[in-house]
Amino acid sequence: MSYDDMMDWKYREENPGYEREIGLTAGDLEDCDPEIAELVAESYARDNAKRREQNHRTEVAGLRALLEEHGIEIPDHI
C-alpha cells in the first residue's frame, strides 16, 4: 500500500463518506520534466475534482436526511 493509499484510508475512517483531497501542483514536482509534472498535476486536479464532487454529494445527502428528520420537505429538483 502506498503512503497516499494509507492516508486516504485513514481519512475515510475518520470522516465516513468523505474523500481526502491531495494538494499537488506542477510546482511540487520541480525535479521532474516540466511536461510530465504538468500531466501529473492535471491528473491530480481531475482526481480532486471527483473527490470534491463526492464530498459534496455526501454532504447534501446528510443535509437532506437532517431536514427530513425534522419534518422539513424539500423538492427533489433542488
N, C-alpha and C. Protein backbone atom coordinates (compact mmCIF):
# COMPACT_ATOMS: atom_id res chain seq x y z
N MET A 1 0.84 -1.18 0.00
CA MET A 1 0.00 0.00 0.00
C MET A 1 0.89 1.24 0.00
N SER A 2 0.57 2.21 -0.84
CA SER A 2 1.36 3.44 -0.90
C SER A 2 0.98 4.37 0.25
N TYR A 3 1.80 5.37 0.46
CA TYR A 3 1.53 6.36 1.51
C TYR A 3 0.19 7.05 1.26
N ASP A 4 -0.05 7.46 -0.01
CA ASP A 4 -1.31 8.13 -0.33
C ASP A 4 -2.51 7.22 -0.07
N ASP A 5 -2.38 5.94 -0.41
CA ASP A 5 -3.46 4.99 -0.16
C ASP A 5 -3.74 4.88 1.34
N MET A 6 -2.69 4.83 2.13
CA MET A 6 -2.86 4.73 3.58
C MET A 6 -3.50 6.00 4.14
N MET A 7 -3.09 7.15 3.64
CA MET A 7 -3.67 8.41 4.12
C MET A 7 -5.14 8.52 3.69
N ASP A 8 -5.46 8.04 2.49
CA ASP A 8 -6.86 8.03 2.04
C ASP A 8 -7.69 7.16 2.97
N TRP A 9 -7.19 5.98 3.29
CA TRP A 9 -7.90 5.06 4.16
C TRP A 9 -8.11 5.70 5.54
N LYS A 10 -7.06 6.31 6.08
CA LYS A 10 -7.15 6.96 7.40
C LYS A 10 -8.20 8.07 7.38
N TYR A 11 -8.18 8.89 6.33
CA TYR A 11 -9.13 10.00 6.22
C TYR A 11 -10.57 9.48 6.14
N ARG A 12 -10.79 8.42 5.33
CA ARG A 12 -12.14 7.85 5.21
C ARG A 12 -12.61 7.25 6.54
N GLU A 13 -11.68 6.67 7.30
CA GLU A 13 -12.04 6.12 8.61
C GLU A 13 -12.46 7.24 9.57
N GLU A 14 -11.77 8.37 9.51
CA GLU A 14 -12.06 9.49 10.41
C GLU A 14 -13.25 10.32 9.93
N ASN A 15 -13.53 10.29 8.64
CA ASN A 15 -14.60 11.10 8.04
C ASN A 15 -15.43 10.23 7.10
N PRO A 16 -16.28 9.37 7.65
CA PRO A 16 -17.04 8.44 6.81
C PRO A 16 -17.80 9.15 5.69
N GLY A 17 -17.66 8.61 4.49
CA GLY A 17 -18.36 9.17 3.34
C GLY A 17 -17.61 10.26 2.62
N TYR A 18 -16.49 10.71 3.15
CA TYR A 18 -15.74 11.80 2.54
C TYR A 18 -14.40 11.29 2.01
N GLU A 19 -13.91 11.96 0.98
CA GLU A 19 -12.63 11.61 0.37
C GLU A 19 -11.63 12.73 0.63
N ARG A 20 -10.38 12.36 0.84
CA ARG A 20 -9.30 13.32 1.08
C ARG A 20 -8.83 13.90 -0.25
N GLU A 21 -8.69 15.22 -0.29
CA GLU A 21 -8.13 15.87 -1.47
C GLU A 21 -6.62 15.91 -1.34
N ILE A 22 -5.93 15.77 -2.46
CA ILE A 22 -4.48 15.76 -2.45
C ILE A 22 -3.99 17.06 -3.07
N GLY A 23 -3.28 17.86 -2.31
CA GLY A 23 -2.77 19.13 -2.79
C GLY A 23 -1.45 18.96 -3.51
N LEU A 24 -1.49 18.88 -4.83
CA LEU A 24 -0.28 18.72 -5.61
C LEU A 24 -0.38 19.58 -6.85
N THR A 25 0.65 20.35 -7.12
CA THR A 25 0.69 21.16 -8.32
C THR A 25 1.98 20.86 -9.08
N ALA A 26 2.08 21.38 -10.28
CA ALA A 26 3.29 21.16 -11.08
C ALA A 26 4.51 21.71 -10.35
N GLY A 27 4.35 22.77 -9.57
CA GLY A 27 5.45 23.35 -8.81
C GLY A 27 6.00 22.41 -7.75
N ASP A 28 5.16 21.47 -7.29
CA ASP A 28 5.60 20.50 -6.29
C ASP A 28 6.51 19.43 -6.90
N LEU A 29 6.55 19.37 -8.20
CA LEU A 29 7.31 18.34 -8.90
C LEU A 29 8.48 18.97 -9.65
N GLU A 30 9.25 19.77 -8.97
CA GLU A 30 10.35 20.51 -9.59
C GLU A 30 11.42 19.60 -10.18
N ASP A 31 11.62 18.42 -9.62
CA ASP A 31 12.67 17.52 -10.08
C ASP A 31 12.30 16.77 -11.35
N CYS A 32 11.04 16.84 -11.75
CA CYS A 32 10.56 16.11 -12.93
C CYS A 32 10.65 16.99 -14.18
N ASP A 33 10.55 16.33 -15.31
CA ASP A 33 10.43 17.02 -16.59
C ASP A 33 9.18 17.90 -16.52
N PRO A 34 9.22 19.16 -16.96
CA PRO A 34 8.06 20.06 -16.84
C PRO A 34 6.79 19.51 -17.50
N GLU A 35 6.93 18.84 -18.63
CA GLU A 35 5.74 18.29 -19.29
C GLU A 35 5.12 17.17 -18.46
N ILE A 36 5.96 16.32 -17.89
CA ILE A 36 5.46 15.23 -17.04
C ILE A 36 4.84 15.80 -15.77
N ALA A 37 5.48 16.80 -15.18
CA ALA A 37 4.96 17.44 -13.98
C ALA A 37 3.57 18.02 -14.25
N GLU A 38 3.40 18.65 -15.40
CA GLU A 38 2.11 19.23 -15.75
C GLU A 38 1.04 18.14 -15.92
N LEU A 39 1.41 17.04 -16.57
CA LEU A 39 0.46 15.93 -16.75
C LEU A 39 0.05 15.32 -15.41
N VAL A 40 1.03 15.15 -14.52
CA VAL A 40 0.73 14.59 -13.19
C VAL A 40 -0.17 15.55 -12.41
N ALA A 41 0.14 16.84 -12.47
CA ALA A 41 -0.68 17.84 -11.76
C ALA A 41 -2.11 17.86 -12.31
N GLU A 42 -2.26 17.75 -13.62
CA GLU A 42 -3.60 17.72 -14.22
C GLU A 42 -4.37 16.47 -13.77
N SER A 43 -3.66 15.35 -13.69
CA SER A 43 -4.29 14.11 -13.24
C SER A 43 -4.78 14.26 -11.80
N TYR A 44 -3.94 14.83 -10.94
CA TYR A 44 -4.35 15.05 -9.55
C TYR A 44 -5.52 16.03 -9.48
N ALA A 45 -5.52 17.04 -10.32
CA ALA A 45 -6.61 18.02 -10.32
C ALA A 45 -7.93 17.34 -10.70
N ARG A 46 -7.91 16.47 -11.71
CA ARG A 46 -9.12 15.74 -12.09
C ARG A 46 -9.58 14.83 -10.95
N ASP A 47 -8.63 14.14 -10.33
CA ASP A 47 -8.96 13.26 -9.21
C ASP A 47 -9.56 14.05 -8.06
N ASN A 48 -8.98 15.20 -7.76
CA ASN A 48 -9.51 16.03 -6.69
C ASN A 48 -10.91 16.55 -7.01
N ALA A 49 -11.16 16.86 -8.28
CA ALA A 49 -12.49 17.32 -8.67
C ALA A 49 -13.52 16.23 -8.41
N LYS A 50 -13.16 14.98 -8.72
CA LYS A 50 -14.06 13.85 -8.44
C LYS A 50 -14.27 13.69 -6.93
N ARG A 51 -13.18 13.84 -6.18
CA ARG A 51 -13.30 13.72 -4.72
C ARG A 51 -14.16 14.84 -4.15
N ARG A 52 -13.98 16.07 -4.66
CA ARG A 52 -14.77 17.20 -4.19
C ARG A 52 -16.26 16.97 -4.49
N GLU A 53 -16.54 16.47 -5.68
CA GLU A 53 -17.93 16.20 -6.05
C GLU A 53 -18.53 15.13 -5.14
N GLN A 54 -17.79 14.07 -4.86
CA GLN A 54 -18.28 13.03 -3.96
C GLN A 54 -18.50 13.58 -2.56
N ASN A 55 -17.60 14.42 -2.08
CA ASN A 55 -17.77 15.04 -0.76
C ASN A 55 -19.02 15.91 -0.73
N HIS A 56 -19.25 16.63 -1.82
CA HIS A 56 -20.43 17.49 -1.91
C HIS A 56 -21.70 16.63 -1.88
N ARG A 57 -21.70 15.54 -2.64
CA ARG A 57 -22.88 14.66 -2.65
C ARG A 57 -23.14 14.07 -1.26
N THR A 58 -22.08 13.69 -0.57
CA THR A 58 -22.23 13.14 0.78
C THR A 58 -22.82 14.19 1.71
N GLU A 59 -22.34 15.42 1.60
CA GLU A 59 -22.83 16.49 2.46
C GLU A 59 -24.30 16.81 2.16
N VAL A 60 -24.65 16.87 0.90
CA VAL A 60 -26.04 17.15 0.51
C VAL A 60 -26.96 16.04 1.02
N ALA A 61 -26.55 14.79 0.87
CA ALA A 61 -27.36 13.67 1.36
C ALA A 61 -27.57 13.78 2.87
N GLY A 62 -26.51 14.14 3.58
CA GLY A 62 -26.63 14.31 5.03
C GLY A 62 -27.56 15.44 5.41
N LEU A 63 -27.49 16.55 4.68
CA LEU A 63 -28.37 17.68 4.96
C LEU A 63 -29.82 17.34 4.64
N ARG A 64 -30.04 16.64 3.53
CA ARG A 64 -31.40 16.22 3.18
C ARG A 64 -31.97 15.30 4.27
N ALA A 65 -31.16 14.37 4.75
CA ALA A 65 -31.61 13.46 5.80
C ALA A 65 -31.94 14.22 7.08
N LEU A 66 -31.12 15.21 7.40
CA LEU A 66 -31.37 16.01 8.60
C LEU A 66 -32.66 16.81 8.47
N LEU A 67 -32.89 17.41 7.31
CA LEU A 67 -34.13 18.15 7.09
C LEU A 67 -35.34 17.22 7.19
N GLU A 68 -35.23 16.06 6.57
CA GLU A 68 -36.31 15.09 6.60
C GLU A 68 -36.58 14.62 8.03
N GLU A 69 -35.53 14.43 8.79
CA GLU A 69 -35.65 14.01 10.18
C GLU A 69 -36.45 15.02 10.99
N HIS A 70 -36.34 16.29 10.63
CA HIS A 70 -37.05 17.35 11.36
C HIS A 70 -38.35 17.76 10.67
N GLY A 71 -38.80 16.94 9.73
CA GLY A 71 -40.10 17.16 9.10
C GLY A 71 -40.12 18.26 8.06
N ILE A 72 -38.97 18.64 7.56
CA ILE A 72 -38.91 19.68 6.53
C ILE A 72 -38.74 19.00 5.18
N GLU A 73 -39.74 19.23 4.32
CA GLU A 73 -39.68 18.62 2.99
C GLU A 73 -39.10 19.61 2.00
N ILE A 74 -38.25 19.09 1.14
CA ILE A 74 -37.69 19.93 0.08
C ILE A 74 -37.91 19.22 -1.25
N PRO A 75 -38.15 19.98 -2.31
CA PRO A 75 -38.39 19.37 -3.62
C PRO A 75 -37.15 18.63 -4.10
N ASP A 76 -37.35 17.55 -4.84
CA ASP A 76 -36.24 16.75 -5.36
C ASP A 76 -35.41 17.49 -6.40
N HIS A 77 -36.00 18.46 -7.07
CA HIS A 77 -35.27 19.16 -8.14
C HIS A 77 -34.28 20.19 -7.62
N ILE A 78 -34.24 20.40 -6.34
CA ILE A 78 -33.30 21.37 -5.76
C ILE A 78 -32.00 20.68 -5.44
